[in-house]
Amino acid sequence: MLGWGAVALVMTAPLLAMQFTSEVNWTITDFVFAGVLLIGGGAVIELVAWRVRNPVIRIGFSLFVIAIVALIWIEAAVGIFH
């Protein structure tokens, strides 16, 4: 539950920021992209948590998924790989 709360918080942050500043200007496409990315990553982590019994492998794979999601997010935001 904590992970899904974090997803909701991350999705709410830009929505709130757009109310107070013009620096944050997300479109519906940005919200859809972020939602698919975060919910997809969370679903993969949930699947691993259900299927993998070894806690070391579970934590390692979860950190791997979080790193991949973060890299995709950063690339979409500022293009670090170009």
PDB file of N, CA and C in Angstrom:
ATOM      1  N   MET A   1       0.818  -1.202   0.000  1.00  0.00           N
ATOM      2  CA  MET A   1       0.000   0.000   0.000  1.00  0.00           C
ATOM      3  C   MET A   1       0.859   1.263   0.000  1.00  0.00           C
ATOM      4  N   LEU A   2       1.987   1.201   0.665  1.00  0.00           N
ATOM      5  CA  LEU A   2       2.853   2.375   0.724  1.00  0.00           C
ATOM      6  C   LEU A   2       3.347   2.767  -0.674  1.00  0.00           C
ATOM      7  N   GLY A   3       3.671   1.771  -1.489  1.00  0.00           N
ATOM      8  CA  GLY A   3       4.143   2.046  -2.845  1.00  0.00           C
ATOM      9  C   GLY A   3       3.096   2.719  -3.704  1.00  0.00           C
ATOM     10  N   TRP A   4       1.841   2.260  -3.595  1.00  0.00           N
ATOM     11  CA  TRP A   4       0.771   2.869  -4.392  1.00  0.00           C
ATOM     12  C   TRP A   4       0.462   4.274  -3.887  1.00  0.00           C
ATOM     13  N   GLY A   5       0.643   4.518  -2.602  1.00  0.00           N
ATOM     14  CA  GLY A   5       0.490   5.876  -2.068  1.00  0.00           C
ATOM     15  C   GLY A   5       1.556   6.806  -2.626  1.00  0.00           C
ATOM     16  N   ALA A   6       2.766   6.281  -2.792  1.00  0.00           N
ATOM     17  CA  ALA A   6       3.849   7.075  -3.376  1.00  0.00           C
ATOM     18  C   ALA A   6       3.536   7.422  -4.830  1.00  0.00           C
ATOM     19  N   VAL A   7       2.954   6.474  -5.559  1.00  0.00           N
ATOM     20  CA  VAL A   7       2.555   6.741  -6.949  1.00  0.00           C
ATOM     21  C   VAL A   7       1.523   7.868  -6.984  1.00  0.00           C
ATOM     22  N   ALA A   8       0.540   7.794  -6.102  1.00  0.00           N
ATOM     23  CA  ALA A   8      -0.493   8.840  -6.051  1.00  0.00           C
ATOM     24  C   ALA A   8       0.120  10.191  -5.697  1.00  0.00           C
ATOM     25  N   LEU A   9       1.073  10.201  -4.776  1.00  0.00           N
ATOM     26  CA  LEU A   9       1.721  11.448  -4.374  1.00  0.00           C
ATOM     27  C   LEU A   9       2.525  12.046  -5.534  1.00  0.00           C
ATOM     28  N   VAL A  10       3.257  11.200  -6.244  1.00  0.00           N
ATOM     29  CA  VAL A  10       4.046  11.685  -7.381  1.00  0.00           C
ATOM     30  C   VAL A  10       3.137  12.235  -8.477  1.00  0.00           C
ATOM     31  N   MET A  11       1.997  11.609  -8.681  1.00  0.00           N
ATOM     32  CA  MET A  11       1.058  12.087  -9.704  1.00  0.00           C
ATOM     33  C   MET A  11       0.353  13.374  -9.267  1.00  0.00           C
ATOM     34  N   THR A  12       0.190  13.570  -7.978  1.00  0.00           N
ATOM     35  CA  THR A  12      -0.498  14.755  -7.466  1.00  0.00           C
ATOM     36  C   THR A  12       0.423  15.977  -7.406  1.00  0.00           C
ATOM     37  N   ALA A  13       1.713  15.761  -7.207  1.00  0.00           N
ATOM     38  CA  ALA A  13       2.655  16.871  -7.046  1.00  0.00           C
ATOM     39  C   ALA A  13       2.633  17.853  -8.220  1.00  0.00           C
ATOM     40  N   PRO A  14       2.736  17.406  -9.476  1.00  0.00           N
ATOM     41  CA  PRO A  14       2.693  18.392 -10.566  1.00  0.00           C
ATOM     42  C   PRO A  14       1.333  19.063 -10.706  1.00  0.00           C
ATOM     43  N   LEU A  15       0.280  18.329 -10.397  1.00  0.00           N
ATOM     44  CA  LEU A  15      -1.060  18.914 -10.466  1.00  0.00           C
ATOM     45  C   LEU A  15      -1.185  20.076  -9.482  1.00  0.00           C
ATOM     46  N   LEU A  16      -0.680  19.887  -8.278  1.00  0.00           N
ATOM     47  CA  LEU A  16      -0.698  20.969  -7.286  1.00  0.00           C
ATOM     48  C   LEU A  16       0.251  22.098  -7.678  1.00  0.00           C
ATOM     49  N   ALA A  17       1.432  21.747  -8.174  1.00  0.00           N
ATOM     50  CA  ALA A  17       2.406  22.774  -8.548  1.00  0.00           C
ATOM     51  C   ALA A  17       1.880  23.662  -9.663  1.00  0.00           C
ATOM     52  N   MET A  18       1.103  23.094 -10.581  1.00  0.00           N
ATOM     53  CA  MET A  18       0.554  23.889 -11.685  1.00  0.00           C
ATOM     54  C   MET A  18      -0.424  24.946 -11.190  1.00  0.00           C
ATOM     55  N   GLN A  19      -0.978  24.764 -10.009  1.00  0.00           N
ATOM     56  CA  GLN A  19      -1.909  25.742  -9.458  1.00  0.00           C
ATOM     57  C   GLN A  19      -1.192  26.982  -8.921  1.00  0.00           C
ATOM     58  N   PHE A  20       0.113  26.834  -8.605  1.00  0.00           N
ATOM     59  CA  PHE A  20       0.840  27.911  -7.946  1.00  0.00           C
ATOM     60  C   PHE A  20       1.930  28.558  -8.789  1.00  0.00           C
ATOM     61  N   THR A  21       2.330  27.915  -9.875  1.00  0.00           N
ATOM     62  CA  THR A  21       3.405  28.470 -10.686  1.00  0.00           C
ATOM     63  C   THR A  21       3.198  28.115 -12.156  1.00  0.00           C
ATOM     64  N   SER A  22       3.717  28.961 -13.015  1.00  0.00           N
ATOM     65  CA  SER A  22       3.650  28.669 -14.450  1.00  0.00           C
ATOM     66  C   SER A  22       4.874  27.871 -14.907  1.00  0.00           C
ATOM     67  N   GLU A  23       5.800  27.611 -13.996  1.00  0.00           N
ATOM     68  CA  GLU A  23       7.001  26.840 -14.319  1.00  0.00           C
ATOM     69  C   GLU A  23       6.670  25.383 -14.625  1.00  0.00           C
ATOM     70  N   VAL A  24       5.624  24.866 -14.001  1.00  0.00           N
ATOM     71  CA  VAL A  24       5.190  23.486 -14.230  1.00  0.00           C
ATOM     72  C   VAL A  24       3.995  23.542 -15.166  1.00  0.00           C
ATOM     73  N   ASN A  25       4.141  22.935 -16.335  1.00  0.00           N
ATOM     74  CA  ASN A  25       3.079  22.999 -17.331  1.00  0.00           C
ATOM     75  C   ASN A  25       2.900  21.622 -17.966  1.00  0.00           C
ATOM     76  N   TRP A  26       2.226  20.725 -17.261  1.00  0.00           N
ATOM     77  CA  TRP A  26       1.986  19.376 -17.766  1.00  0.00           C
ATOM     78  C   TRP A  26       0.708  19.355 -18.584  1.00  0.00           C
ATOM     79  N   THR A  27       0.719  18.569 -19.655  1.00  0.00           N
ATOM     80  CA  THR A  27      -0.487  18.332 -20.442  1.00  0.00           C
ATOM     81  C   THR A  27      -1.063  16.979 -20.035  1.00  0.00           C
ATOM     82  N   ILE A  28      -2.211  16.644 -20.592  1.00  0.00           N
ATOM     83  CA  ILE A  28      -2.821  15.352 -20.287  1.00  0.00           C
ATOM     84  C   ILE A  28      -1.896  14.219 -20.724  1.00  0.00           C
ATOM     85  N   THR A  29      -1.152  14.431 -21.803  1.00  0.00           N
ATOM     86  CA  THR A  29      -0.205  13.419 -22.275  1.00  0.00           C
ATOM     87  C   THR A  29       0.886  13.154 -21.247  1.00  0.00           C
ATOM     88  N   ASP A  30       1.358  14.209 -20.590  1.00  0.00           N
ATOM     89  CA  ASP A  30       2.369  14.045 -19.548  1.00  0.00           C
ATOM     90  C   ASP A  30       1.834  13.210 -18.389  1.00  0.00           C
ATOM     91  N   PHE A  31       0.601  13.487 -17.991  1.00  0.00           N
ATOM     92  CA  PHE A  31       0.001  12.727 -16.896  1.00  0.00           C
ATOM     93  C   PHE A  31      -0.226  11.269 -17.287  1.00  0.00           C
ATOM     94  N   VAL A  32      -0.638  11.037 -18.525  1.00  0.00           N
ATOM     95  CA  VAL A  32      -0.846   9.654 -18.988  1.00  0.00           C
ATOM     96  C   VAL A  32       0.488   8.912 -19.021  1.00  0.00           C
ATOM     97  N   PHE A  33       1.521   9.556 -19.565  1.00  0.00           N
ATOM     98  CA  PHE A  33       2.845   8.936 -19.617  1.00  0.00           C
ATOM     99  C   PHE A  33       3.340   8.591 -18.217  1.00  0.00           C
ATOM    100  N   ALA A  34       3.248   9.552 -17.301  1.00  0.00           N
ATOM    101  CA  ALA A  34       3.703   9.311 -15.933  1.00  0.00           C
ATOM    102  C   ALA A  34       2.883   8.211 -15.268  1.00  0.00           C
ATOM    103  N   GLY A  35       1.585   8.222 -15.490  1.00  0.00           N
ATOM    104  CA  GLY A  35       0.726   7.200 -14.898  1.00  0.00           C
ATOM    105  C   GLY A  35       1.051   5.811 -15.402  1.00  0.00           C
ATOM    106  N   VAL A  36       1.222   5.678 -16.712  1.00  0.00           N
ATOM    107  CA  VAL A  36       1.562   4.370 -17.288  1.00  0.00           C
ATOM    108  C   VAL A  36       2.917   3.901 -16.774  1.00  0.00           C
ATOM    109  N   LEU A  37       3.878   4.799 -16.732  1.00  0.00           N
ATOM    110  CA  LEU A  37       5.217   4.449 -16.261  1.00  0.00           C
ATOM    111  C   LEU A  37       5.202   4.018 -14.795  1.00  0.00           C
ATOM    112  N   LEU A  38       4.571   4.814 -13.938  1.00  0.00           N
ATOM    113  CA  LEU A  38       4.567   4.508 -12.506  1.00  0.00           C
ATOM    114  C   LEU A  38       3.698   3.301 -12.167  1.00  0.00           C
ATOM    115  N   ILE A  39       2.527   3.217 -12.763  1.00  0.00           N
ATOM    116  CA  ILE A  39       1.650   2.076 -12.483  1.00  0.00           C
ATOM    117  C   ILE A  39       2.246   0.798 -13.074  1.00  0.00           C
ATOM    118  N   GLY A  40       2.844   0.898 -14.252  1.00  0.00           N
ATOM    119  CA  GLY A  40       3.500  -0.271 -14.843  1.00  0.00           C
ATOM    120  C   GLY A  40       4.657  -0.769 -13.991  1.00  0.00           C
ATOM    121  N   GLY A  41       5.499   0.148 -13.540  1.00  0.00           N
ATOM    122  CA  GLY A  41       6.606  -0.236 -12.663  1.00  0.00           C
ATOM    123  C   GLY A  41       6.114  -0.817 -11.353  1.00  0.00           C
ATOM    124  N   GLY A  42       5.083  -0.210 -10.785  1.00  0.00           N
ATOM    125  CA  GLY A  42       4.506  -0.728  -9.544  1.00  0.00           C
ATOM    126  C   GLY A  42       3.897  -2.104  -9.718  1.00  0.00           C
ATOM    127  N   ALA A  43       3.257  -2.335 -10.855  1.00  0.00           N
ATOM    128  CA  ALA A  43       2.656  -3.646 -11.120  1.00  0.00           C
ATOM    129  C   ALA A  43       3.731  -4.723 -11.260  1.00  0.00           C
ATOM    130  N   VAL A  44       4.843  -4.385 -11.902  1.00  0.00           N
ATOM    131  CA  VAL A  44       5.941  -5.347 -12.025  1.00  0.00           C
ATOM    132  C   VAL A  44       6.513  -5.668 -10.646  1.00  0.00           C
ATOM    133  N   ILE A  45       6.678  -4.659  -9.806  1.00  0.00           N
ATOM    134  CA  ILE A  45       7.188  -4.890  -8.451  1.00  0.00           C
ATOM    135  C   ILE A  45       6.206  -5.736  -7.647  1.00  0.00           C
ATOM    136  N   GLU A  46       4.913  -5.473  -7.776  1.00  0.00           N
ATOM    137  CA  GLU A  46       3.899  -6.291  -7.090  1.00  0.00           C
ATOM    138  C   GLU A  46       3.970  -7.743  -7.552  1.00  0.00           C
ATOM    139  N   LEU A  47       4.098  -7.952  -8.846  1.00  0.00           N
ATOM    140  CA  LEU A  47       4.184  -9.304  -9.389  1.00  0.00           C
ATOM    141  C   LEU A  47       5.398 -10.038  -8.829  1.00  0.00           C
ATOM    142  N   VAL A  48       6.529  -9.355  -8.779  1.00  0.00           N
ATOM    143  CA  VAL A  48       7.737  -9.959  -8.221  1.00  0.00           C
ATOM    144  C   VAL A  48       7.536 -10.272  -6.741  1.00  0.00           C
ATOM    145  N   ALA A  49       6.902  -9.375  -6.011  1.00  0.00           N
ATOM    146  CA  ALA A  49       6.675  -9.600  -4.579  1.00  0.00           C
ATOM    147  C   ALA A  49       5.808 -10.831  -4.345  1.00  0.00           C
ATOM    148  N   TRP A  50       4.876 -11.090  -5.235  1.00  0.00           N
ATOM    149  CA  TRP A  50       4.004 -12.261  -5.088  1.00  0.00           C
ATOM    150  C   TRP A  50       4.703 -13.557  -5.487  1.00  0.00           C
ATOM    151  N   ARG A  51       5.546 -13.490  -6.526  1.00  0.00           N
ATOM    152  CA  ARG A  51       6.094 -14.716  -7.111  1.00  0.00           C
ATOM    153  C   ARG A  51       7.442 -15.138  -6.529  1.00  0.00           C
ATOM    154  N   VAL A  52       8.265 -14.202  -6.096  1.00  0.00           N
ATOM    155  CA  VAL A  52       9.622 -14.514  -5.643  1.00  0.00           C
ATOM    156  C   VAL A  52       9.635 -14.616  -4.126  1.00  0.00           C
ATOM    157  N   ARG A  53      10.140 -15.729  -3.626  1.00  0.00           N
ATOM    158  CA  ARG A  53      10.169 -15.950  -2.173  1.00  0.00           C
ATOM    159  C   ARG A  53      11.451 -15.445  -1.514  1.00  0.00           C
ATOM    160  N   ASN A  54      12.543 -15.463  -2.242  1.00  0.00           N
ATOM    161  CA  ASN A  54      13.825 -15.039  -1.690  1.00  0.00           C
ATOM    162  C   ASN A  54      13.830 -13.518  -1.526  1.00  0.00           C
ATOM    163  N   PRO A  55      13.955 -13.025  -0.274  1.00  0.00           N
ATOM    164  CA  PRO A  55      13.875 -11.571  -0.069  1.00  0.00           C
ATOM    165  C   PRO A  55      15.017 -10.793  -0.719  1.00  0.00           C
ATOM    166  N   VAL A  56      16.188 -11.383  -0.826  1.00  0.00           N
ATOM    167  CA  VAL A  56      17.315 -10.680  -1.449  1.00  0.00           C
ATOM    168  C   VAL A  56      17.041 -10.463  -2.938  1.00  0.00           C
ATOM    169  N   ILE A  57      16.556 -11.491  -3.607  1.00  0.00           N
ATOM    170  CA  ILE A  57      16.226 -11.363  -5.029  1.00  0.00           C
ATOM    171  C   ILE A  57      15.060 -10.403  -5.213  1.00  0.00           C
ATOM    172  N   ARG A  58      14.088 -10.472  -4.323  1.00  0.00           N
ATOM    173  CA  ARG A  58      12.926  -9.583  -4.408  1.00  0.00           C
ATOM    174  C   ARG A  58      13.349  -8.122  -4.290  1.00  0.00           C
ATOM    175  N   ILE A  59      14.179  -7.821  -3.308  1.00  0.00           N
ATOM    176  CA  ILE A  59      14.641  -6.441  -3.113  1.00  0.00           C
ATOM    177  C   ILE A  59      15.519  -5.998  -4.286  1.00  0.00           C
ATOM    178  N   GLY A  60      16.415  -6.877  -4.721  1.00  0.00           N
ATOM    179  CA  GLY A  60      17.290  -6.535  -5.842  1.00  0.00           C
ATOM    180  C   GLY A  60      16.518  -6.242  -7.112  1.00  0.00           C
ATOM    181  N   PHE A  61      15.544  -7.084  -7.426  1.00  0.00           N
ATOM    182  CA  PHE A  61      14.758  -6.864  -8.638  1.00  0.00           C
ATOM    183  C   PHE A  61      13.903  -5.609  -8.511  1.00  0.00           C
ATOM    184  N   SER A  62      13.366  -5.363  -7.320  1.00  0.00           N
ATOM    185  CA  SER A  62      12.569  -4.149  -7.105  1.00  0.00           C
ATOM    186  C   SER A  62      13.417  -2.898  -7.299  1.00  0.00           C
ATOM    187  N   LEU A  63      14.640  -2.909  -6.777  1.00  0.00           N
ATOM    188  CA  LEU A  63      15.534  -1.765  -6.967  1.00  0.00           C
ATOM    189  C   LEU A  63      15.896  -1.587  -8.442  1.00  0.00           C
ATOM    190  N   PHE A  64      16.054  -2.703  -9.150  1.00  0.00           N
ATOM    191  CA  PHE A  64      16.324  -2.644 -10.582  1.00  0.00           C
ATOM    192  C   PHE A  64      15.165  -1.980 -11.328  1.00  0.00           C
ATOM    193  N   VAL A  65      13.939  -2.370 -11.016  1.00  0.00           N
ATOM    194  CA  VAL A  65      12.758  -1.783 -11.664  1.00  0.00           C
ATOM    195  C   VAL A  65      12.662  -0.295 -11.335  1.00  0.00           C
ATOM    196  N   ILE A  66      12.901   0.067 -10.077  1.00  0.00           N
ATOM    197  CA  ILE A  66      12.863   1.479  -9.678  1.00  0.00           C
ATOM    198  C   ILE A  66      13.919   2.277 -10.450  1.00  0.00           C
ATOM    199  N   ALA A  67      15.106   1.713 -10.617  1.00  0.00           N
ATOM    200  CA  ALA A  67      16.166   2.401 -11.362  1.00  0.00           C
ATOM    201  C   ALA A  67      15.774   2.594 -12.826  1.00  0.00           C
ATOM    202  N   ILE A  68      15.186   1.579 -13.437  1.00  0.00           N
ATOM    203  CA  ILE A  68      14.760   1.687 -14.837  1.00  0.00           C
ATOM    204  C   ILE A  68      13.675   2.753 -14.989  1.00  0.00           C
ATOM    205  N   VAL A  69      12.700   2.750 -14.080  1.00  0.00           N
ATOM    206  CA  VAL A  69      11.632   3.759 -14.121  1.00  0.00           C
ATOM    207  C   VAL A  69      12.229   5.157 -13.953  1.00  0.00           C
ATOM    208  N   ALA A  70      13.174   5.304 -13.020  1.00  0.00           N
ATOM    209  CA  ALA A  70      13.802   6.611 -12.801  1.00  0.00           C
ATOM    210  C   ALA A  70      14.568   7.072 -14.041  1.00  0.00           C
ATOM    211  N   LEU A  71      15.299   6.165 -14.684  1.00  0.00           N
ATOM    212  CA  LEU A  71      16.040   6.542 -15.889  1.00  0.00           C
ATOM    213  C   LEU A  71      15.113   6.938 -17.033  1.00  0.00           C
ATOM    214  N   ILE A  72      14.017   6.214 -17.200  1.00  0.00           N
ATOM    215  CA  ILE A  72      13.049   6.583 -18.242  1.00  0.00           C
ATOM    216  C   ILE A  72      12.446   7.952 -17.934  1.00  0.00           C
ATOM    217  N   TRP A  73      12.099   8.185 -16.661  1.00  0.00           N
ATOM    218  CA  TRP A  73      11.521   9.471 -16.242  1.00  0.00           C
ATOM    219  C   TRP A  73      12.511  10.615 -16.521  1.00  0.00           C
ATOM    220  N   ILE A  74      13.764  10.425 -16.140  1.00  0.00           N
ATOM    221  CA  ILE A  74      14.782  11.461 -16.337  1.00  0.00           C
ATOM    222  C   ILE A  74      15.010  11.719 -17.826  1.00  0.00           C
ATOM    223  N   GLU A  75      15.071  10.653 -18.613  1.00  0.00           N
ATOM    224  CA  GLU A  75      15.253  10.818 -20.060  1.00  0.00           C
ATOM    225  C   GLU A  75      14.095  11.596 -20.671  1.00  0.00           C
ATOM    226  N   ALA A  76      12.883  11.281 -20.250  1.00  0.00           N
ATOM    227  CA  ALA A  76      11.715  11.993 -20.778  1.00  0.00           C
ATOM    228  C   ALA A  76      11.713  13.457 -20.344  1.00  0.00           C
ATOM    229  N   ALA A  77      12.228  13.722 -19.153  1.00  0.00           N
ATOM    230  CA  ALA A  77      12.202  15.090 -18.623  1.00  0.00           C
ATOM    231  C   ALA A  77      13.277  15.978 -19.246  1.00  0.00           C
ATOM    232  N   VAL A  78      14.511  15.491 -19.293  1.00  0.00           N
ATOM    233  CA  VAL A  78      15.607  16.363 -19.719  1.00  0.00           C
ATOM    234  C   VAL A  78      16.490  15.780 -20.804  1.00  0.00           C
ATOM    235  N   GLY A  79      16.293  14.539 -21.178  1.00  0.00           N
ATOM    236  CA  GLY A  79      17.071  13.951 -22.260  1.00  0.00           C
ATOM    237  C   GLY A  79      18.536  13.751 -21.946  1.00  0.00           C
ATOM    238  N   ILE A  80      18.856  13.038 -20.870  1.00  0.00           N
ATOM    239  CA  ILE A  80      20.259  12.859 -20.476  1.00  0.00           C
ATOM    240  C   ILE A  80      21.045  11.969 -21.430  1.00  0.00           C
ATOM    241  N   PHE A  81      20.371  11.173 -22.242  1.00  0.00           N
ATOM    242  CA  PHE A  81      21.074  10.254 -23.133  1.00  0.00           C
ATOM    243  C   PHE A  81      21.267  10.815 -24.538  1.00  0.00           C
ATOM    244  N   HIS A  82      20.905  12.051 -24.766  1.00  0.00           N
ATOM    245  CA  HIS A  82      21.084  12.655 -26.092  1.00  0.00           C
ATOM    246  C   HIS A  82      22.147  13.707 -26.067  1.00  0.00           C
TER     247      HIS A  82
END
